[in-house]
N, C-alpha and C. Protein backbone atom coordinates (compact mmCIF):
# COMPACT_ATOMS: atom_id res chain seq x y z
N MET A 1 72.56 125.92 22.10
CA MET A 1 73.06 124.90 22.99
C MET A 1 71.94 124.24 23.78
N LEU A 2 70.88 124.98 24.07
CA LEU A 2 69.76 124.43 24.80
C LEU A 2 69.16 123.24 24.06
N GLY A 3 69.07 123.31 22.73
CA GLY A 3 68.52 122.21 21.94
C GLY A 3 69.35 120.95 22.08
N VAL A 4 70.68 121.07 22.09
CA VAL A 4 71.55 119.92 22.25
C VAL A 4 71.39 119.33 23.64
N THR A 5 71.34 120.19 24.66
CA THR A 5 71.17 119.70 26.02
C THR A 5 69.85 118.94 26.16
N THR A 6 68.79 119.48 25.59
CA THR A 6 67.50 118.80 25.62
C THR A 6 67.59 117.45 24.92
N ALA A 7 68.23 117.43 23.76
CA ALA A 7 68.36 116.18 23.00
C ALA A 7 69.20 115.17 23.76
N LEU A 8 70.22 115.64 24.47
CA LEU A 8 71.08 114.73 25.21
C LEU A 8 70.34 114.08 26.37
N ARG A 9 69.33 114.74 26.89
CA ARG A 9 68.56 114.19 27.99
C ARG A 9 67.35 113.40 27.53
N ALA A 10 67.09 113.38 26.25
CA ALA A 10 65.91 112.71 25.72
C ALA A 10 66.04 111.20 25.86
N ALA A 11 64.90 110.55 25.89
CA ALA A 11 64.79 109.09 25.84
C ALA A 11 65.44 108.39 27.01
N MET A 12 65.35 108.97 28.19
CA MET A 12 65.86 108.27 29.37
C MET A 12 64.90 107.14 29.71
N PRO A 13 65.37 105.91 29.67
CA PRO A 13 64.49 104.77 29.89
C PRO A 13 64.25 104.51 31.36
N SER A 14 63.26 103.69 31.60
CA SER A 14 63.03 103.20 32.96
C SER A 14 63.43 101.74 32.98
N GLY A 15 63.47 101.15 34.15
CA GLY A 15 63.78 99.73 34.25
C GLY A 15 65.24 99.48 34.58
N ALA A 16 65.60 98.19 34.55
CA ALA A 16 66.93 97.75 34.97
C ALA A 16 68.04 98.35 34.13
N ALA A 17 67.84 98.43 32.84
CA ALA A 17 68.89 98.93 31.96
C ALA A 17 69.24 100.39 32.27
N ALA A 18 68.26 101.18 32.70
CA ALA A 18 68.51 102.59 32.99
C ALA A 18 69.55 102.75 34.10
N GLY A 19 69.65 101.78 34.98
CA GLY A 19 70.62 101.85 36.07
C GLY A 19 72.06 101.76 35.60
N SER A 20 72.28 101.38 34.34
CA SER A 20 73.64 101.27 33.82
C SER A 20 74.21 102.60 33.36
N ILE A 21 73.36 103.61 33.18
CA ILE A 21 73.83 104.90 32.71
C ILE A 21 74.78 105.50 33.76
N GLY A 22 75.97 105.91 33.28
CA GLY A 22 76.98 106.48 34.17
C GLY A 22 77.93 105.45 34.75
N HIS A 23 77.71 104.17 34.41
CA HIS A 23 78.56 103.08 34.90
C HIS A 23 79.34 102.46 33.75
N ALA A 24 80.41 101.76 34.09
CA ALA A 24 81.21 101.09 33.08
C ALA A 24 80.37 100.07 32.32
N ALA A 25 80.54 100.06 31.01
CA ALA A 25 79.84 99.10 30.17
C ALA A 25 80.44 97.70 30.42
N PRO A 26 79.60 96.70 30.69
CA PRO A 26 80.13 95.34 30.87
C PRO A 26 80.86 94.86 29.61
N ASP A 27 82.06 94.35 29.81
CA ASP A 27 82.83 93.82 28.68
C ASP A 27 82.27 92.48 28.26
N PHE A 28 82.51 92.12 27.01
CA PHE A 28 82.07 90.82 26.49
C PHE A 28 82.90 90.48 25.27
N ALA A 29 82.86 89.21 24.93
CA ALA A 29 83.42 88.72 23.66
C ALA A 29 82.36 87.80 23.06
N LEU A 30 82.01 88.08 21.80
CA LEU A 30 81.00 87.29 21.10
C LEU A 30 81.46 87.01 19.68
N PRO A 31 80.99 85.90 19.10
CA PRO A 31 81.27 85.64 17.70
C PRO A 31 80.37 86.49 16.80
N ALA A 32 80.91 86.92 15.69
CA ALA A 32 80.12 87.63 14.69
C ALA A 32 79.41 86.60 13.80
N ALA A 33 78.23 86.94 13.34
CA ALA A 33 77.50 86.05 12.44
C ALA A 33 78.30 85.85 11.17
N LEU A 34 78.97 86.89 10.72
CA LEU A 34 79.86 86.83 9.56
C LEU A 34 81.19 87.42 9.98
N GLY A 35 82.19 86.57 10.21
CA GLY A 35 83.48 87.10 10.63
C GLY A 35 83.96 86.47 11.92
N SER A 36 84.89 87.17 12.57
CA SER A 36 85.54 86.62 13.75
C SER A 36 84.92 87.17 15.04
N ASN A 37 85.48 86.76 16.17
CA ASN A 37 85.00 87.22 17.45
C ASN A 37 85.27 88.70 17.67
N VAL A 38 84.42 89.33 18.47
CA VAL A 38 84.55 90.75 18.78
C VAL A 38 84.53 90.90 20.30
N ARG A 39 85.47 91.69 20.83
CA ARG A 39 85.50 92.00 22.26
C ARG A 39 85.30 93.50 22.41
N LEU A 40 84.33 93.88 23.24
CA LEU A 40 84.01 95.29 23.42
C LEU A 40 85.22 96.10 23.89
N SER A 41 86.00 95.57 24.81
CA SER A 41 87.13 96.32 25.37
C SER A 41 88.19 96.67 24.32
N GLU A 42 88.20 95.99 23.20
CA GLU A 42 89.15 96.32 22.13
C GLU A 42 88.86 97.69 21.52
N TYR A 43 87.69 98.21 21.77
CA TYR A 43 87.29 99.51 21.20
C TYR A 43 87.40 100.64 22.22
N ARG A 44 88.04 100.40 23.36
CA ARG A 44 88.24 101.44 24.36
C ARG A 44 88.97 102.59 23.69
N GLY A 45 88.52 103.80 23.93
CA GLY A 45 89.10 104.98 23.27
C GLY A 45 88.25 105.44 22.10
N GLN A 46 87.26 104.65 21.73
CA GLN A 46 86.35 105.01 20.65
C GLN A 46 84.91 104.97 21.18
N PRO A 47 84.06 105.88 20.71
CA PRO A 47 82.66 105.79 21.11
C PRO A 47 82.00 104.59 20.42
N VAL A 48 81.13 103.90 21.17
CA VAL A 48 80.50 102.67 20.69
C VAL A 48 78.99 102.78 20.79
N VAL A 49 78.31 102.43 19.72
CA VAL A 49 76.87 102.25 19.73
C VAL A 49 76.63 100.75 19.74
N LEU A 50 75.96 100.28 20.79
CA LEU A 50 75.70 98.85 20.98
C LEU A 50 74.20 98.64 20.87
N SER A 51 73.77 97.89 19.86
CA SER A 51 72.34 97.69 19.64
C SER A 51 71.99 96.22 19.86
N PHE A 52 70.92 95.99 20.63
CA PHE A 52 70.41 94.65 20.87
C PHE A 52 69.22 94.43 19.96
N TRP A 53 69.18 93.27 19.27
CA TRP A 53 68.19 93.01 18.23
C TRP A 53 67.84 91.53 18.16
N SER A 54 66.81 91.26 17.36
CA SER A 54 66.41 89.89 17.06
C SER A 54 66.00 89.81 15.60
N SER A 55 66.24 88.70 14.98
CA SER A 55 65.89 88.53 13.56
C SER A 55 64.38 88.54 13.34
N ARG A 56 63.61 88.31 14.38
CA ARG A 56 62.14 88.28 14.25
C ARG A 56 61.48 89.59 14.66
N CYS A 57 62.27 90.64 14.82
CA CYS A 57 61.78 91.93 15.29
C CYS A 57 61.84 92.93 14.14
N SER A 58 60.67 93.32 13.61
CA SER A 58 60.66 94.25 12.47
C SER A 58 61.17 95.64 12.87
N LEU A 59 60.91 96.06 14.10
CA LEU A 59 61.46 97.35 14.57
C LEU A 59 62.98 97.29 14.62
N CYS A 60 63.51 96.15 14.99
CA CYS A 60 64.97 95.98 15.04
C CYS A 60 65.58 96.12 13.65
N ALA A 61 64.93 95.59 12.64
CA ALA A 61 65.45 95.69 11.27
C ALA A 61 65.56 97.15 10.85
N ARG A 62 64.55 97.95 11.16
CA ARG A 62 64.62 99.39 10.86
C ARG A 62 65.75 100.05 11.64
N GLN A 63 65.87 99.68 12.89
CA GLN A 63 66.91 100.24 13.75
C GLN A 63 68.30 99.94 13.18
N LEU A 64 68.53 98.69 12.79
CA LEU A 64 69.82 98.31 12.24
C LEU A 64 70.13 99.05 10.95
N ALA A 65 69.13 99.25 10.10
CA ALA A 65 69.33 100.00 8.86
C ALA A 65 69.70 101.45 9.15
N THR A 66 69.05 102.04 10.14
CA THR A 66 69.38 103.43 10.51
C THR A 66 70.78 103.50 11.08
N LEU A 67 71.13 102.59 11.95
CA LEU A 67 72.48 102.57 12.53
C LEU A 67 73.54 102.35 11.46
N ASP A 68 73.22 101.57 10.43
CA ASP A 68 74.16 101.36 9.33
C ASP A 68 74.43 102.69 8.62
N ARG A 69 73.39 103.51 8.43
CA ARG A 69 73.58 104.82 7.82
C ARG A 69 74.44 105.71 8.72
N TYR A 70 74.17 105.72 10.01
CA TYR A 70 74.98 106.51 10.95
C TYR A 70 76.44 106.06 10.92
N TYR A 71 76.63 104.76 10.89
CA TYR A 71 77.99 104.23 10.85
C TYR A 71 78.71 104.71 9.59
N GLY A 72 78.02 104.69 8.46
CA GLY A 72 78.61 105.18 7.21
C GLY A 72 79.01 106.64 7.30
N THR A 73 78.22 107.42 8.03
CA THR A 73 78.50 108.84 8.18
C THR A 73 79.63 109.12 9.18
N TYR A 74 79.64 108.41 10.30
CA TYR A 74 80.52 108.77 11.41
C TYR A 74 81.69 107.82 11.66
N ARG A 75 81.82 106.76 10.89
CA ARG A 75 82.92 105.83 11.17
C ARG A 75 84.27 106.48 10.95
N SER A 76 84.38 107.41 9.99
CA SER A 76 85.65 108.08 9.78
C SER A 76 86.03 108.98 10.96
N SER A 77 85.07 109.30 11.81
CA SER A 77 85.33 110.07 13.03
C SER A 77 85.62 109.18 14.23
N GLY A 78 85.58 107.86 14.01
CA GLY A 78 85.93 106.92 15.06
C GLY A 78 84.77 106.17 15.68
N LEU A 79 83.55 106.36 15.18
CA LEU A 79 82.40 105.67 15.74
C LEU A 79 82.46 104.18 15.45
N ILE A 80 82.13 103.37 16.46
CA ILE A 80 82.02 101.93 16.33
C ILE A 80 80.56 101.56 16.57
N VAL A 81 80.03 100.68 15.74
CA VAL A 81 78.68 100.15 15.94
C VAL A 81 78.78 98.64 16.03
N LEU A 82 78.18 98.08 17.07
CA LEU A 82 78.10 96.64 17.26
C LEU A 82 76.65 96.28 17.52
N ALA A 83 76.18 95.19 16.95
CA ALA A 83 74.80 94.78 17.15
C ALA A 83 74.78 93.35 17.68
N VAL A 84 74.09 93.17 18.81
CA VAL A 84 74.06 91.89 19.51
C VAL A 84 72.68 91.23 19.31
N SER A 85 72.68 90.08 18.67
CA SER A 85 71.44 89.32 18.49
C SER A 85 71.12 88.56 19.76
N VAL A 86 69.87 88.61 20.16
CA VAL A 86 69.42 87.82 21.32
C VAL A 86 68.47 86.72 20.86
N ASP A 87 68.60 86.33 19.60
CA ASP A 87 67.82 85.19 19.08
C ASP A 87 68.16 83.94 19.86
N ASP A 88 67.16 83.13 20.17
CA ASP A 88 67.39 81.84 20.83
C ASP A 88 68.16 80.89 19.91
N ASP A 89 67.89 80.99 18.64
CA ASP A 89 68.51 80.13 17.64
C ASP A 89 69.52 80.94 16.84
N ALA A 90 70.79 80.66 17.04
CA ALA A 90 71.85 81.41 16.36
C ALA A 90 71.72 81.31 14.83
N GLN A 91 71.14 80.21 14.33
CA GLN A 91 70.98 80.06 12.89
C GLN A 91 70.05 81.12 12.31
N HIS A 92 69.00 81.49 13.06
CA HIS A 92 68.11 82.56 12.61
C HIS A 92 68.88 83.87 12.45
N ALA A 93 69.73 84.18 13.42
CA ALA A 93 70.53 85.40 13.36
C ALA A 93 71.52 85.35 12.21
N GLN A 94 72.15 84.20 12.00
CA GLN A 94 73.08 84.06 10.89
C GLN A 94 72.37 84.22 9.55
N ASP A 95 71.19 83.62 9.42
CA ASP A 95 70.42 83.77 8.17
C ASP A 95 70.07 85.23 7.94
N TYR A 96 69.69 85.92 9.00
CA TYR A 96 69.37 87.35 8.88
C TYR A 96 70.62 88.13 8.43
N ALA A 97 71.76 87.83 9.05
CA ALA A 97 73.00 88.52 8.72
C ALA A 97 73.40 88.32 7.26
N HIS A 98 73.16 87.13 6.73
CA HIS A 98 73.47 86.87 5.31
C HIS A 98 72.52 87.63 4.40
N ALA A 99 71.28 87.78 4.82
CA ALA A 99 70.27 88.45 3.98
C ALA A 99 70.29 89.97 4.12
N HIS A 100 70.82 90.49 5.23
CA HIS A 100 70.79 91.93 5.51
C HIS A 100 72.19 92.38 5.97
N VAL A 101 73.10 92.45 5.04
CA VAL A 101 74.48 92.77 5.35
C VAL A 101 74.60 94.21 5.85
N THR A 102 75.33 94.40 6.94
CA THR A 102 75.62 95.72 7.47
C THR A 102 77.13 95.94 7.43
N ALA A 103 77.53 97.19 7.54
CA ALA A 103 78.96 97.51 7.53
C ALA A 103 79.60 97.25 8.90
N PHE A 104 78.77 96.97 9.90
CA PHE A 104 79.28 96.68 11.26
C PHE A 104 78.93 95.25 11.62
N PRO A 105 79.60 94.68 12.62
CA PRO A 105 79.37 93.28 12.98
C PRO A 105 78.02 93.04 13.64
N LEU A 106 77.38 91.95 13.22
CA LEU A 106 76.17 91.44 13.87
C LEU A 106 76.64 90.26 14.71
N LEU A 107 76.55 90.41 16.02
CA LEU A 107 77.10 89.44 16.95
C LEU A 107 76.04 88.48 17.46
N LEU A 108 76.47 87.27 17.84
CA LEU A 108 75.54 86.22 18.29
C LEU A 108 75.65 86.02 19.80
N ASP A 109 74.53 86.08 20.48
CA ASP A 109 74.45 85.87 21.92
C ASP A 109 73.22 85.01 22.25
N PRO A 110 73.18 83.76 21.74
CA PRO A 110 71.98 82.94 21.96
C PRO A 110 71.72 82.62 23.43
N ALA A 111 72.75 82.65 24.28
CA ALA A 111 72.54 82.41 25.71
C ALA A 111 72.07 83.68 26.42
N LYS A 112 72.08 84.79 25.73
CA LYS A 112 71.63 86.09 26.23
C LYS A 112 72.42 86.59 27.44
N THR A 113 73.67 86.17 27.56
CA THR A 113 74.48 86.61 28.69
C THR A 113 74.80 88.10 28.61
N VAL A 114 75.05 88.61 27.42
CA VAL A 114 75.35 90.04 27.28
C VAL A 114 74.08 90.85 27.48
N GLY A 115 72.96 90.36 26.94
CA GLY A 115 71.68 91.05 27.15
C GLY A 115 71.35 91.15 28.62
N ARG A 116 71.60 90.08 29.38
CA ARG A 116 71.35 90.11 30.84
C ARG A 116 72.31 91.07 31.53
N ALA A 117 73.58 91.08 31.10
CA ALA A 117 74.56 91.97 31.73
C ALA A 117 74.17 93.44 31.57
N TYR A 118 73.49 93.75 30.47
CA TYR A 118 73.05 95.13 30.22
C TYR A 118 71.62 95.38 30.69
N GLY A 119 70.96 94.37 31.22
CA GLY A 119 69.60 94.54 31.73
C GLY A 119 68.59 94.83 30.64
N ILE A 120 68.77 94.22 29.47
CA ILE A 120 67.89 94.46 28.33
C ILE A 120 66.54 93.81 28.59
N GLU A 121 65.48 94.62 28.50
CA GLU A 121 64.13 94.13 28.75
C GLU A 121 63.24 94.16 27.52
N ARG A 122 63.61 94.95 26.51
CA ARG A 122 62.81 94.99 25.29
C ARG A 122 63.70 95.29 24.10
N LEU A 123 63.18 95.00 22.93
CA LEU A 123 63.93 95.17 21.69
C LEU A 123 63.21 96.16 20.77
N PRO A 124 63.94 96.89 20.00
CA PRO A 124 65.40 97.04 20.09
C PRO A 124 65.78 97.94 21.28
N THR A 125 66.96 97.70 21.80
CA THR A 125 67.55 98.59 22.80
C THR A 125 68.93 98.98 22.31
N THR A 126 69.25 100.25 22.43
CA THR A 126 70.53 100.76 21.97
C THR A 126 71.24 101.45 23.13
N VAL A 127 72.52 101.11 23.32
CA VAL A 127 73.34 101.64 24.38
C VAL A 127 74.46 102.45 23.73
N LEU A 128 74.67 103.68 24.18
CA LEU A 128 75.73 104.52 23.66
C LEU A 128 76.81 104.65 24.74
N ILE A 129 78.03 104.26 24.37
CA ILE A 129 79.14 104.15 25.31
C ILE A 129 80.23 105.15 24.91
N ASP A 130 80.75 105.90 25.89
CA ASP A 130 81.77 106.90 25.59
C ASP A 130 83.15 106.28 25.41
N ARG A 131 84.13 107.12 25.09
CA ARG A 131 85.49 106.66 24.82
C ARG A 131 86.14 105.98 26.02
N GLY A 132 85.69 106.30 27.21
CA GLY A 132 86.23 105.69 28.42
C GLY A 132 85.54 104.41 28.82
N GLY A 133 84.55 103.97 28.04
CA GLY A 133 83.85 102.73 28.33
C GLY A 133 82.68 102.88 29.27
N VAL A 134 82.16 104.12 29.41
CA VAL A 134 81.04 104.38 30.31
C VAL A 134 79.75 104.52 29.50
N VAL A 135 78.69 103.88 29.99
CA VAL A 135 77.37 103.99 29.34
C VAL A 135 76.86 105.41 29.57
N ARG A 136 76.57 106.12 28.48
CA ARG A 136 76.09 107.50 28.59
C ARG A 136 74.62 107.66 28.24
N PHE A 137 74.13 106.86 27.29
CA PHE A 137 72.74 106.98 26.86
C PHE A 137 72.20 105.58 26.59
N LEU A 138 70.89 105.44 26.75
CA LEU A 138 70.25 104.17 26.51
C LEU A 138 68.84 104.44 25.96
N HIS A 139 68.52 103.76 24.86
CA HIS A 139 67.21 103.92 24.23
C HIS A 139 66.55 102.56 24.10
N SER A 140 65.36 102.42 24.63
CA SER A 140 64.60 101.18 24.47
C SER A 140 63.45 101.44 23.51
N ASP A 141 63.80 101.67 22.27
CA ASP A 141 62.81 101.98 21.24
C ASP A 141 63.45 101.82 19.88
N ASP A 142 62.70 102.12 18.85
CA ASP A 142 63.25 102.05 17.50
C ASP A 142 63.46 103.45 16.93
N GLY A 143 63.71 104.42 17.79
CA GLY A 143 63.79 105.82 17.38
C GLY A 143 65.15 106.29 16.96
N ALA A 144 66.00 105.45 16.40
CA ALA A 144 67.33 105.88 16.01
C ALA A 144 67.28 107.01 14.98
N GLY A 145 66.16 107.16 14.28
CA GLY A 145 66.05 108.24 13.32
C GLY A 145 65.78 109.58 13.98
N ASP A 146 65.52 109.58 15.27
CA ASP A 146 65.25 110.80 16.02
C ASP A 146 66.52 111.62 16.13
N GLU A 147 66.38 112.94 16.07
CA GLU A 147 67.57 113.80 16.10
C GLU A 147 68.34 113.71 17.42
N SER A 148 67.71 113.22 18.49
CA SER A 148 68.44 113.08 19.75
C SER A 148 69.57 112.05 19.61
N TYR A 149 69.38 111.01 18.80
CA TYR A 149 70.45 110.03 18.59
C TYR A 149 71.66 110.71 17.97
N VAL A 150 71.44 111.52 16.95
CA VAL A 150 72.55 112.19 16.28
C VAL A 150 73.26 113.12 17.25
N ALA A 151 72.51 113.87 18.05
CA ALA A 151 73.12 114.77 19.04
C ALA A 151 73.96 113.96 20.04
N GLN A 152 73.44 112.82 20.46
CA GLN A 152 74.16 112.01 21.43
C GLN A 152 75.40 111.38 20.81
N ILE A 153 75.30 110.92 19.58
CA ILE A 153 76.47 110.36 18.88
C ILE A 153 77.53 111.44 18.71
N ARG A 154 77.12 112.62 18.32
CA ARG A 154 78.09 113.73 18.17
C ARG A 154 78.72 114.10 19.49
N ALA A 155 77.95 114.07 20.57
CA ALA A 155 78.53 114.35 21.91
C ALA A 155 79.59 113.31 22.26
N LEU A 156 79.33 112.04 21.93
CA LEU A 156 80.32 111.01 22.17
C LEU A 156 81.56 111.21 21.30
N LEU A 157 81.35 111.55 20.05
CA LEU A 157 82.48 111.79 19.14
C LEU A 157 83.30 113.01 19.57
N ASP A 158 82.64 114.02 20.08
CA ASP A 158 83.32 115.24 20.56
C ASP A 158 83.91 115.04 21.94
N ASP A 159 83.69 113.88 22.54
CA ASP A 159 84.20 113.51 23.85
C ASP A 159 83.80 114.54 24.91
N LYS A 160 82.53 114.84 24.95
CA LYS A 160 82.00 115.83 25.91
C LYS A 160 81.96 115.27 27.34
N PHE A 161 82.42 114.07 27.53
CA PHE A 161 82.32 113.43 28.85
C PHE A 161 83.68 113.18 29.47
N GLY A 162 84.76 113.62 28.81
CA GLY A 162 86.10 113.36 29.35
C GLY A 162 86.40 111.89 29.42
N GLY A 163 86.00 111.16 28.36
CA GLY A 163 86.02 109.71 28.33
C GLY A 163 87.31 109.03 28.69
N LEU A 164 88.47 109.60 28.45
CA LEU A 164 89.70 108.86 28.77
C LEU A 164 90.29 109.35 30.01
């Protein structure tokens, strides 16, 4: 159990985004690059991985590919993955979405309103939200392949936070 506890505390970021840990995740509605609009609050009751990315960020591309694998593994357990593009030009994000299809929605936020609401300062940044809509973990890196991510996702799936 000590290993899981250590992993759950790993990657605590500094900066504005870190202040969101333990607080309600800001709700939003954004259009998907491929598909319809998505509203975060529609997924209340399910753990959500929210990743902020840009089509011009090579680290983000690796992050999205890793999250796609996690989604394939854990979606049957209720995991939701949403990825928010902060590209200035929505067309760049749409072109990326057509060229790099994921099993989860790639959302468009060219005005960066959602990125500002979450205090995103660097890319990629990943926010892990519990079933009750509370931000539990935040990573400002491309380390989704790190075992701490898996431990944190499993903690959210096991509802170790009393999310509802």
